[in-house]
Amino acid sequence: MNIKKKKDGSALSVIISGRIDTSTTPKADAAINESLDGAESLILDFTDVEYISSAGLRMLLSLQKKMMKKGGMKLIGVNEDVNDVFEVTGFDEILTYEKR
């Protein structure tokens, strides 16, 4: 998994590529959380995310809760496989996201 971050004023954009699973979620969570200070909005680019596990879903839920207090969070570029996981788990009702 690779993570690239870009901060533009109070907006934080994070591009994630690869798999978000039990072994990679702690790295992703730490990398994103260390950059949240001063961020009022969070955009997660999932264009190159191949897979997300329950560990990744927990990370997204935690980030969503934090960002709801600040300004919001949005996922972009969600593929069909990840969208299917969101729909089966009910995350499609919780998260704001755009499919690719």
PDB file of N, CA and C in Angstrom:
ATOM      1  N   MET A   1       0.833  -1.169   0.000  1.00  0.00           N
ATOM      2  CA  MET A   1       0.000   0.000   0.000  1.00  0.00           C
ATOM      3  C   MET A   1       0.885   1.243   0.000  1.00  0.00           C
ATOM      4  N   ASN A   2       0.472   2.230  -0.771  1.00  0.00           N
ATOM      5  CA  ASN A   2       1.153   3.518  -0.814  1.00  0.00           C
ATOM      6  C   ASN A   2       0.172   4.610  -0.440  1.00  0.00           C
ATOM      7  N   ILE A   3       0.697   5.649   0.215  1.00  0.00           N
ATOM      8  CA  ILE A   3      -0.129   6.777   0.639  1.00  0.00           C
ATOM      9  C   ILE A   3       0.590   8.066   0.243  1.00  0.00           C
ATOM     10  N   LYS A   4      -0.165   8.962  -0.396  1.00  0.00           N
ATOM     11  CA  LYS A   4       0.350  10.289  -0.713  1.00  0.00           C
ATOM     12  C   LYS A   4      -0.624  11.299  -0.143  1.00  0.00           C
ATOM     13  N   LYS A   5      -0.075  12.312   0.533  1.00  0.00           N
ATOM     14  CA  LYS A   5      -0.917  13.325   1.168  1.00  0.00           C
ATOM     15  C   LYS A   5      -0.617  14.694   0.590  1.00  0.00           C
ATOM     16  N   LYS A   6      -1.680  15.509   0.507  1.00  0.00           N
ATOM     17  CA  LYS A   6      -1.522  16.885   0.054  1.00  0.00           C
ATOM     18  C   LYS A   6      -2.460  17.757   0.874  1.00  0.00           C
ATOM     19  N   LYS A   7      -1.910  18.791   1.478  1.00  0.00           N
ATOM     20  CA  LYS A   7      -2.720  19.709   2.268  1.00  0.00           C
ATOM     21  C   LYS A   7      -2.806  21.036   1.531  1.00  0.00           C
ATOM     22  N   ASP A   8      -4.034  21.502   1.346  1.00  0.00           N
ATOM     23  CA  ASP A   8      -4.272  22.778   0.683  1.00  0.00           C
ATOM     24  C   ASP A   8      -5.152  23.604   1.609  1.00  0.00           C
ATOM     25  N   GLY A   9      -4.518  24.452   2.394  1.00  0.00           N
ATOM     26  CA  GLY A   9      -5.254  25.210   3.399  1.00  0.00           C
ATOM     27  C   GLY A   9      -5.797  24.268   4.459  1.00  0.00           C
ATOM     28  N   SER A  10      -7.120  24.247   4.585  1.00  0.00           N
ATOM     29  CA  SER A  10      -7.735  23.381   5.582  1.00  0.00           C
ATOM     30  C   SER A  10      -8.250  22.074   4.973  1.00  0.00           C
ATOM     31  N   ALA A  11      -7.928  21.827   3.712  1.00  0.00           N
ATOM     32  CA  ALA A  11      -8.362  20.597   3.046  1.00  0.00           C
ATOM     33  C   ALA A  11      -7.187  19.616   2.942  1.00  0.00           C
ATOM     34  N   LEU A  12      -7.421  18.403   3.387  1.00  0.00           N
ATOM     35  CA  LEU A  12      -6.414  17.348   3.295  1.00  0.00           C
ATOM     36  C   LEU A  12      -6.888  16.318   2.285  1.00  0.00           C
ATOM     37  N   SER A  13      -6.048  16.051   1.295  1.00  0.00           N
ATOM     38  CA  SER A  13      -6.334  15.009   0.306  1.00  0.00           C
ATOM     39  C   SER A  13      -5.336  13.884   0.492  1.00  0.00           C
ATOM     40  N   VAL A  14      -5.848  12.657   0.491  1.00  0.00           N
ATOM     41  CA  VAL A  14      -4.999  11.488   0.678  1.00  0.00           C
ATOM     42  C   VAL A  14      -5.282  10.507  -0.451  1.00  0.00           C
ATOM     43  N   ILE A  15      -4.237  10.148  -1.183  1.00  0.00           N
ATOM     44  CA  ILE A  15      -4.353   9.163  -2.251  1.00  0.00           C
ATOM     45  C   ILE A  15      -3.816   7.844  -1.720  1.00  0.00           C
ATOM     46  N   ILE A  16      -4.662   6.828  -1.737  1.00  0.00           N
ATOM     47  CA  ILE A  16      -4.280   5.512  -1.238  1.00  0.00           C
ATOM     48  C   ILE A  16      -4.292   4.538  -2.410  1.00  0.00           C
ATOM     49  N   SER A  17      -3.255   3.715  -2.497  1.00  0.00           N
ATOM     50  CA  SER A  17      -3.237   2.685  -3.533  1.00  0.00           C
ATOM     51  C   SER A  17      -2.872   1.343  -2.903  1.00  0.00           C
ATOM     52  N   GLY A  18      -3.459   0.285  -3.457  1.00  0.00           N
ATOM     53  CA  GLY A  18      -3.181  -1.055  -2.964  1.00  0.00           C
ATOM     54  C   GLY A  18      -4.321  -1.594  -2.126  1.00  0.00           C
ATOM     55  N   ARG A  19      -3.976  -2.427  -1.175  1.00  0.00           N
ATOM     56  CA  ARG A  19      -4.954  -3.092  -0.313  1.00  0.00           C
ATOM     57  C   ARG A  19      -4.998  -2.433   1.060  1.00  0.00           C
ATOM     58  N   ILE A  20      -6.207  -2.250   1.565  1.00  0.00           N
ATOM     59  CA  ILE A  20      -6.379  -1.750   2.929  1.00  0.00           C
ATOM     60  C   ILE A  20      -6.896  -2.934   3.726  1.00  0.00           C
ATOM     61  N   ASP A  21      -5.977  -3.589   4.434  1.00  0.00           N
ATOM     62  CA  ASP A  21      -6.334  -4.804   5.166  1.00  0.00           C
ATOM     63  C   ASP A  21      -5.712  -4.774   6.556  1.00  0.00           C
ATOM     64  N   THR A  22      -5.764  -5.891   7.238  1.00  0.00           N
ATOM     65  CA  THR A  22      -5.274  -5.964   8.613  1.00  0.00           C
ATOM     66  C   THR A  22      -3.820  -5.538   8.745  1.00  0.00           C
ATOM     67  N   SER A  23      -3.004  -5.872   7.766  1.00  0.00           N
ATOM     68  CA  SER A  23      -1.581  -5.545   7.877  1.00  0.00           C
ATOM     69  C   SER A  23      -1.260  -4.107   7.459  1.00  0.00           C
ATOM     70  N   THR A  24      -2.086  -3.494   6.612  1.00  0.00           N
ATOM     71  CA  THR A  24      -1.773  -2.147   6.121  1.00  0.00           C
ATOM     72  C   THR A  24      -2.567  -1.035   6.799  1.00  0.00           C
ATOM     73  N   THR A  25      -3.685  -1.377   7.423  1.00  0.00           N
ATOM     74  CA  THR A  25      -4.537  -0.353   8.034  1.00  0.00           C
ATOM     75  C   THR A  25      -3.816   0.459   9.111  1.00  0.00           C
ATOM     76  N   PRO A  26      -3.035  -0.149  10.012  1.00  0.00           N
ATOM     77  CA  PRO A  26      -2.357   0.687  11.018  1.00  0.00           C
ATOM     78  C   PRO A  26      -1.471   1.767  10.397  1.00  0.00           C
ATOM     79  N   LYS A  27      -0.770   1.446   9.316  1.00  0.00           N
ATOM     80  CA  LYS A  27       0.083   2.428   8.640  1.00  0.00           C
ATOM     81  C   LYS A  27      -0.773   3.547   8.046  1.00  0.00           C
ATOM     82  N   ALA A  28      -1.852   3.177   7.386  1.00  0.00           N
ATOM     83  CA  ALA A  28      -2.727   4.176   6.771  1.00  0.00           C
ATOM     84  C   ALA A  28      -3.354   5.067   7.831  1.00  0.00           C
ATOM     85  N   ASP A  29      -3.856   4.465   8.890  1.00  0.00           N
ATOM     86  CA  ASP A  29      -4.508   5.208   9.960  1.00  0.00           C
ATOM     87  C   ASP A  29      -3.548   6.210  10.588  1.00  0.00           C
ATOM     88  N   ALA A  30      -2.339   5.764  10.887  1.00  0.00           N
ATOM     89  CA  ALA A  30      -1.342   6.653  11.488  1.00  0.00           C
ATOM     90  C   ALA A  30      -0.966   7.788  10.539  1.00  0.00           C
ATOM     91  N   ALA A  31      -0.768   7.470   9.264  1.00  0.00           N
ATOM     92  CA  ALA A  31      -0.365   8.483   8.282  1.00  0.00           C
ATOM     93  C   ALA A  31      -1.441   9.548   8.110  1.00  0.00           C
ATOM     94  N   ILE A  32      -2.689   9.134   8.080  1.00  0.00           N
ATOM     95  CA  ILE A  32      -3.780  10.096   7.904  1.00  0.00           C
ATOM     96  C   ILE A  32      -3.976  10.917   9.172  1.00  0.00           C
ATOM     97  N   ASN A  33      -4.026  10.255  10.312  1.00  0.00           N
ATOM     98  CA  ASN A  33      -4.285  10.960  11.572  1.00  0.00           C
ATOM     99  C   ASN A  33      -3.208  11.969  11.920  1.00  0.00           C
ATOM    100  N   GLU A  34      -1.951  11.696  11.545  1.00  0.00           N
ATOM    101  CA  GLU A  34      -0.892  12.647  11.866  1.00  0.00           C
ATOM    102  C   GLU A  34      -1.023  13.950  11.076  1.00  0.00           C
ATOM    103  N   SER A  35      -1.847  13.932  10.030  1.00  0.00           N
ATOM    104  CA  SER A  35      -2.014  15.123   9.196  1.00  0.00           C
ATOM    105  C   SER A  35      -3.356  15.815   9.392  1.00  0.00           C
ATOM    106  N   LEU A  36      -4.177  15.355  10.323  1.00  0.00           N
ATOM    107  CA  LEU A  36      -5.520  15.913  10.495  1.00  0.00           C
ATOM    108  C   LEU A  36      -5.566  17.237  11.242  1.00  0.00           C
ATOM    109  N   ASP A  37      -4.499  17.593  11.963  1.00  0.00           N
ATOM    110  CA  ASP A  37      -4.512  18.866  12.678  1.00  0.00           C
ATOM    111  C   ASP A  37      -4.722  20.007  11.697  1.00  0.00           C
ATOM    112  N   GLY A  38      -5.733  20.802  11.956  1.00  0.00           N
ATOM    113  CA  GLY A  38      -6.030  21.945  11.100  1.00  0.00           C
ATOM    114  C   GLY A  38      -6.851  21.602   9.869  1.00  0.00           C
ATOM    115  N   ALA A  39      -7.075  20.329   9.619  1.00  0.00           N
ATOM    116  CA  ALA A  39      -7.867  19.927   8.448  1.00  0.00           C
ATOM    117  C   ALA A  39      -9.355  20.012   8.778  1.00  0.00           C
ATOM    118  N   GLU A  40     -10.089  20.723   7.937  1.00  0.00           N
ATOM    119  CA  GLU A  40     -11.531  20.818   8.106  1.00  0.00           C
ATOM    120  C   GLU A  40     -12.269  19.900   7.143  1.00  0.00           C
ATOM    121  N   SER A  41     -11.580  19.466   6.097  1.00  0.00           N
ATOM    122  CA  SER A  41     -12.179  18.504   5.172  1.00  0.00           C
ATOM    123  C   SER A  41     -11.125  17.474   4.781  1.00  0.00           C
ATOM    124  N   LEU A  42     -11.607  16.264   4.537  1.00  0.00           N
ATOM    125  CA  LEU A  42     -10.730  15.156   4.176  1.00  0.00           C
ATOM    126  C   LEU A  42     -11.279  14.486   2.929  1.00  0.00           C
ATOM    127  N   ILE A  43     -10.438  14.382   1.920  1.00  0.00           N
ATOM    128  CA  ILE A  43     -10.797  13.669   0.695  1.00  0.00           C
ATOM    129  C   ILE A  43      -9.867  12.475   0.584  1.00  0.00           C
ATOM    130  N   LEU A  44     -10.453  11.282   0.514  1.00  0.00           N
ATOM    131  CA  LEU A  44      -9.691  10.058   0.341  1.00  0.00           C
ATOM    132  C   LEU A  44      -9.888   9.576  -1.086  1.00  0.00           C
ATOM    133  N   ASP A  45      -8.807   9.547  -1.855  1.00  0.00           N
ATOM    134  CA  ASP A  45      -8.867   9.081  -3.239  1.00  0.00           C
ATOM    135  C   ASP A  45      -8.641   7.579  -3.260  1.00  0.00           C
ATOM    136  N   PHE A  46      -9.694   6.839  -3.566  1.00  0.00           N
ATOM    137  CA  PHE A  46      -9.666   5.375  -3.590  1.00  0.00           C
ATOM    138  C   PHE A  46      -9.512   4.810  -5.000  1.00  0.00           C
ATOM    139  N   THR A  47      -9.120   5.624  -5.961  1.00  0.00           N
ATOM    140  CA  THR A  47      -9.031   5.180  -7.349  1.00  0.00           C
ATOM    141  C   THR A  47      -8.202   3.917  -7.494  1.00  0.00           C
ATOM    142  N   ASP A  48      -7.117   3.807  -6.740  1.00  0.00           N
ATOM    143  CA  ASP A  48      -6.227   2.650  -6.862  1.00  0.00           C
ATOM    144  C   ASP A  48      -6.308   1.700  -5.677  1.00  0.00           C
ATOM    145  N   VAL A  49      -7.401   1.763  -4.907  1.00  0.00           N
ATOM    146  CA  VAL A  49      -7.605   0.807  -3.816  1.00  0.00           C
ATOM    147  C   VAL A  49      -8.244  -0.445  -4.398  1.00  0.00           C
ATOM    148  N   GLU A  50      -7.573  -1.573  -4.216  1.00  0.00           N
ATOM    149  CA  GLU A  50      -8.031  -2.841  -4.787  1.00  0.00           C
ATOM    150  C   GLU A  50      -8.989  -3.584  -3.874  1.00  0.00           C
ATOM    151  N   TYR A  51      -8.829  -3.394  -2.551  1.00  0.00           N
ATOM    152  CA  TYR A  51      -9.550  -4.213  -1.571  1.00  0.00           C
ATOM    153  C   TYR A  51      -9.594  -3.479  -0.248  1.00  0.00           C
ATOM    154  N   ILE A  52     -10.682  -3.668   0.505  1.00  0.00           N
ATOM    155  CA  ILE A  52     -10.756  -3.133   1.856  1.00  0.00           C
ATOM    156  C   ILE A  52     -11.353  -4.206   2.772  1.00  0.00           C
ATOM    157  N   SER A  53     -10.710  -4.404   3.916  1.00  0.00           N
ATOM    158  CA  SER A  53     -11.169  -5.404   4.890  1.00  0.00           C
ATOM    159  C   SER A  53     -11.939  -4.705   6.010  1.00  0.00           C
ATOM    160  N   SER A  54     -12.376  -5.495   6.976  1.00  0.00           N
ATOM    161  CA  SER A  54     -13.088  -4.926   8.124  1.00  0.00           C
ATOM    162  C   SER A  54     -12.193  -3.964   8.905  1.00  0.00           C
ATOM    163  N   ALA A  55     -10.904  -4.219   8.927  1.00  0.00           N
ATOM    164  CA  ALA A  55      -9.974  -3.295   9.602  1.00  0.00           C
ATOM    165  C   ALA A  55      -9.990  -1.938   8.908  1.00  0.00           C
ATOM    166  N   GLY A  56     -10.009  -1.935   7.596  1.00  0.00           N
ATOM    167  CA  GLY A  56     -10.088  -0.694   6.827  1.00  0.00           C
ATOM    168  C   GLY A  56     -11.405   0.020   7.047  1.00  0.00           C
ATOM    169  N   LEU A  57     -12.492  -0.752   7.152  1.00  0.00           N
ATOM    170  CA  LEU A  57     -13.800  -0.155   7.418  1.00  0.00           C
ATOM    171  C   LEU A  57     -13.823   0.522   8.783  1.00  0.00           C
ATOM    172  N   ARG A  58     -13.211  -0.112   9.770  1.00  0.00           N
ATOM    173  CA  ARG A  58     -13.129   0.509  11.100  1.00  0.00           C
ATOM    174  C   ARG A  58     -12.351   1.822  11.041  1.00  0.00           C
ATOM    175  N   MET A  59     -11.279   1.846  10.260  1.00  0.00           N
ATOM    176  CA  MET A  59     -10.506   3.074  10.109  1.00  0.00           C
ATOM    177  C   MET A  59     -11.381   4.168   9.484  1.00  0.00           C
ATOM    178  N   LEU A  60     -12.132   3.819   8.434  1.00  0.00           N
ATOM    179  CA  LEU A  60     -12.991   4.806   7.784  1.00  0.00           C
ATOM    180  C   LEU A  60     -14.061   5.327   8.736  1.00  0.00           C
ATOM    181  N   LEU A  61     -14.631   4.454   9.541  1.00  0.00           N
ATOM    182  CA  LEU A  61     -15.648   4.866  10.499  1.00  0.00           C
ATOM    183  C   LEU A  61     -15.058   5.834  11.520  1.00  0.00           C
ATOM    184  N   SER A  62     -13.876   5.533  12.003  1.00  0.00           N
ATOM    185  CA  SER A  62     -13.196   6.405  12.959  1.00  0.00           C
ATOM    186  C   SER A  62     -12.900   7.776  12.335  1.00  0.00           C
ATOM    187  N   LEU A  63     -12.392   7.773  11.111  1.00  0.00           N
ATOM    188  CA  LEU A  63     -12.106   9.032  10.421  1.00  0.00           C
ATOM    189  C   LEU A  63     -13.383   9.823  10.173  1.00  0.00           C
ATOM    190  N   GLN A  64     -14.445   9.126   9.791  1.00  0.00           N
ATOM    191  CA  GLN A  64     -15.728   9.781   9.543  1.00  0.00           C
ATOM    192  C   GLN A  64     -16.217  10.491  10.801  1.00  0.00           C
ATOM    193  N   LYS A  65     -16.129   9.816  11.939  1.00  0.00           N
ATOM    194  CA  LYS A  65     -16.563  10.419  13.198  1.00  0.00           C
ATOM    195  C   LYS A  65     -15.756  11.672  13.525  1.00  0.00           C
ATOM    196  N   LYS A  66     -14.443  11.605  13.336  1.00  0.00           N
ATOM    197  CA  LYS A  66     -13.584  12.761  13.606  1.00  0.00           C
ATOM    198  C   LYS A  66     -13.913  13.924  12.675  1.00  0.00           C
ATOM    199  N   MET A  67     -14.090  13.609  11.389  1.00  0.00           N
ATOM    200  CA  MET A  67     -14.279  14.664  10.406  1.00  0.00           C
ATOM    201  C   MET A  67     -15.686  15.260  10.435  1.00  0.00           C
ATOM    202  N   MET A  68     -16.664  14.534  10.932  1.00  0.00           N
ATOM    203  CA  MET A  68     -18.014  15.098  11.064  1.00  0.00           C
ATOM    204  C   MET A  68     -18.011  16.274  12.030  1.00  0.00           C
ATOM    205  N   LYS A  69     -17.113  16.249  13.002  1.00  0.00           N
ATOM    206  CA  LYS A  69     -17.004  17.332  13.972  1.00  0.00           C
ATOM    207  C   LYS A  69     -16.307  18.547  13.370  1.00  0.00           C
ATOM    208  N   LYS A  70     -15.559  18.336  12.290  1.00  0.00           N
ATOM    209  CA  LYS A  70     -14.752  19.403  11.712  1.00  0.00           C
ATOM    210  C   LYS A  70     -15.377  20.000  10.456  1.00  0.00           C
ATOM    211  N   GLY A  71     -15.787  19.190   9.525  1.00  0.00           N
ATOM    212  CA  GLY A  71     -16.298  19.735   8.268  1.00  0.00           C
ATOM    213  C   GLY A  71     -16.733  18.662   7.289  1.00  0.00           C
ATOM    214  N   GLY A  72     -16.143  17.495   7.353  1.00  0.00           N
ATOM    215  CA  GLY A  72     -16.600  16.417   6.495  1.00  0.00           C
ATOM    216  C   GLY A  72     -15.494  15.601   5.867  1.00  0.00           C
ATOM    217  N   MET A  73     -15.919  14.470   5.345  1.00  0.00           N
ATOM    218  CA  MET A  73     -15.013  13.534   4.685  1.00  0.00           C
ATOM    219  C   MET A  73     -15.719  12.981   3.459  1.00  0.00           C
ATOM    220  N   LYS A  74     -14.952  12.796   2.393  1.00  0.00           N
ATOM    221  CA  LYS A  74     -15.515  12.261   1.155  1.00  0.00           C
ATOM    222  C   LYS A  74     -14.501  11.314   0.523  1.00  0.00           C
ATOM    223  N   LEU A  75     -14.995  10.214  -0.018  1.00  0.00           N
ATOM    224  CA  LEU A  75     -14.162   9.281  -0.761  1.00  0.00           C
ATOM    225  C   LEU A  75     -14.475   9.451  -2.238  1.00  0.00           C
ATOM    226  N   ILE A  76     -13.449   9.411  -3.069  1.00  0.00           N
ATOM    227  CA  ILE A  76     -13.652   9.505  -4.510  1.00  0.00           C
ATOM    228  C   ILE A  76     -12.985   8.317  -5.194  1.00  0.00           C
ATOM    229  N   GLY A  77     -13.466   7.983  -6.384  1.00  0.00           N
ATOM    230  CA  GLY A  77     -12.843   6.923  -7.175  1.00  0.00           C
ATOM    231  C   GLY A  77     -13.064   5.522  -6.655  1.00  0.00           C
ATOM    232  N   VAL A  78     -14.162   5.280  -5.964  1.00  0.00           N
ATOM    233  CA  VAL A  78     -14.426   3.962  -5.383  1.00  0.00           C
ATOM    234  C   VAL A  78     -14.810   2.972  -6.491  1.00  0.00           C
ATOM    235  N   ASN A  79     -14.095   1.858  -6.573  1.00  0.00           N
ATOM    236  CA  ASN A  79     -14.386   0.862  -7.612  1.00  0.00           C
ATOM    237  C   ASN A  79     -15.549  -0.040  -7.194  1.00  0.00           C
ATOM    238  N   GLU A  80     -15.988  -0.887  -8.116  1.00  0.00           N
ATOM    239  CA  GLU A  80     -17.156  -1.745  -7.872  1.00  0.00           C
ATOM    240  C   GLU A  80     -16.940  -2.720  -6.716  1.00  0.00           C
ATOM    241  N   ASP A  81     -15.736  -3.295  -6.614  1.00  0.00           N
ATOM    242  CA  ASP A  81     -15.467  -4.252  -5.543  1.00  0.00           C
ATOM    243  C   ASP A  81     -15.576  -3.598  -4.167  1.00  0.00           C
ATOM    244  N   VAL A  82     -14.977  -2.435  -4.032  1.00  0.00           N
ATOM    245  CA  VAL A  82     -15.038  -1.719  -2.758  1.00  0.00           C
ATOM    246  C   VAL A  82     -16.464  -1.233  -2.515  1.00  0.00           C
ATOM    247  N   ASN A  83     -17.142  -0.772  -3.555  1.00  0.00           N
ATOM    248  CA  ASN A  83     -18.535  -0.351  -3.424  1.00  0.00           C
ATOM    249  C   ASN A  83     -19.410  -1.506  -2.941  1.00  0.00           C
ATOM    250  N   ASP A  84     -19.164  -2.708  -3.453  1.00  0.00           N
ATOM    251  CA  ASP A  84     -19.919  -3.880  -3.005  1.00  0.00           C
ATOM    252  C   ASP A  84     -19.741  -4.113  -1.507  1.00  0.00           C
ATOM    253  N   VAL A  85     -18.510  -3.955  -1.016  1.00  0.00           N
ATOM    254  CA  VAL A  85     -18.242  -4.103   0.420  1.00  0.00           C
ATOM    255  C   VAL A  85     -19.025  -3.043   1.197  1.00  0.00           C
ATOM    256  N   PHE A  86     -19.019  -1.803   0.701  1.00  0.00           N
ATOM    257  CA  PHE A  86     -19.760  -0.730   1.366  1.00  0.00           C
ATOM    258  C   PHE A  86     -21.252  -1.058   1.420  1.00  0.00           C
ATOM    259  N   GLU A  87     -21.802  -1.566   0.328  1.00  0.00           N
ATOM    260  CA  GLU A  87     -23.231  -1.871   0.281  1.00  0.00           C
ATOM    261  C   GLU A  87     -23.598  -3.027   1.210  1.00  0.00           C
ATOM    262  N   VAL A  88     -22.789  -4.084   1.213  1.00  0.00           N
ATOM    263  CA  VAL A  88     -23.075  -5.254   2.053  1.00  0.00           C
ATOM    264  C   VAL A  88     -23.007  -4.900   3.536  1.00  0.00           C
ATOM    265  N   THR A  89     -22.092  -4.029   3.900  1.00  0.00           N
ATOM    266  CA  THR A  89     -21.891  -3.677   5.313  1.00  0.00           C
ATOM    267  C   THR A  89     -22.732  -2.483   5.767  1.00  0.00           C
ATOM    268  N   GLY A  90     -23.406  -1.827   4.840  1.00  0.00           N
ATOM    269  CA  GLY A  90     -24.198  -0.652   5.182  1.00  0.00           C
ATOM    270  C   GLY A  90     -23.403   0.637   5.198  1.00  0.00           C
ATOM    271  N   PHE A  91     -22.129   0.579   4.854  1.00  0.00           N
ATOM    272  CA  PHE A  91     -21.293   1.779   4.832  1.00  0.00           C
ATOM    273  C   PHE A  91     -21.713   2.747   3.736  1.00  0.00           C
ATOM    274  N   ASP A  92     -22.455   2.251   2.743  1.00  0.00           N
ATOM    275  CA  ASP A  92     -22.948   3.144   1.700  1.00  0.00           C
ATOM    276  C   ASP A  92     -23.943   4.153   2.275  1.00  0.00           C
ATOM    277  N   GLU A  93     -24.529   3.851   3.432  1.00  0.00           N
ATOM    278  CA  GLU A  93     -25.452   4.762   4.100  1.00  0.00           C
ATOM    279  C   GLU A  93     -24.725   5.716   5.049  1.00  0.00           C
ATOM    280  N   ILE A  94     -23.492   5.390   5.393  1.00  0.00           N
ATOM    281  CA  ILE A  94     -22.726   6.166   6.371  1.00  0.00           C
ATOM    282  C   ILE A  94     -21.760   7.133   5.688  1.00  0.00           C
ATOM    283  N   LEU A  95     -21.089   6.649   4.643  1.00  0.00           N
ATOM    284  CA  LEU A  95     -20.030   7.415   3.989  1.00  0.00           C
ATOM    285  C   LEU A  95     -20.564   8.248   2.820  1.00  0.00           C
ATOM    286  N   THR A  96     -19.894   9.336   2.565  1.00  0.00           N
ATOM    287  CA  THR A  96     -20.128  10.117   1.354  1.00  0.00           C
ATOM    288  C   THR A  96     -19.040   9.728   0.370  1.00  0.00           C
ATOM    289  N   TYR A  97     -19.444   9.192  -0.784  1.00  0.00           N
ATOM    290  CA  TYR A  97     -18.431   8.762  -1.753  1.00  0.00           C
ATOM    291  C   TYR A  97     -18.965   8.788  -3.171  1.00  0.00           C
ATOM    292  N   GLU A  98     -17.993   8.823  -4.097  1.00  0.00           N
ATOM    293  CA  GLU A  98     -18.288   8.781  -5.523  1.00  0.00           C
ATOM    294  C   GLU A  98     -17.646   7.547  -6.114  1.00  0.00           C
ATOM    295  N   LYS A  99     -18.429   6.836  -6.920  1.00  0.00           N
ATOM    296  CA  LYS A  99     -17.884   5.665  -7.622  1.00  0.00           C
ATOM    297  C   LYS A  99     -17.149   6.142  -8.871  1.00  0.00           C
ATOM    298  N   ARG A 100     -16.208   5.300  -9.323  1.00  0.00           N
ATOM    299  CA  ARG A 100     -15.533   5.663 -10.567  1.00  0.00           C
ATOM    300  C   ARG A 100     -16.226   5.042 -11.744  1.00  0.00           C
TER     301      ARG A 100
END
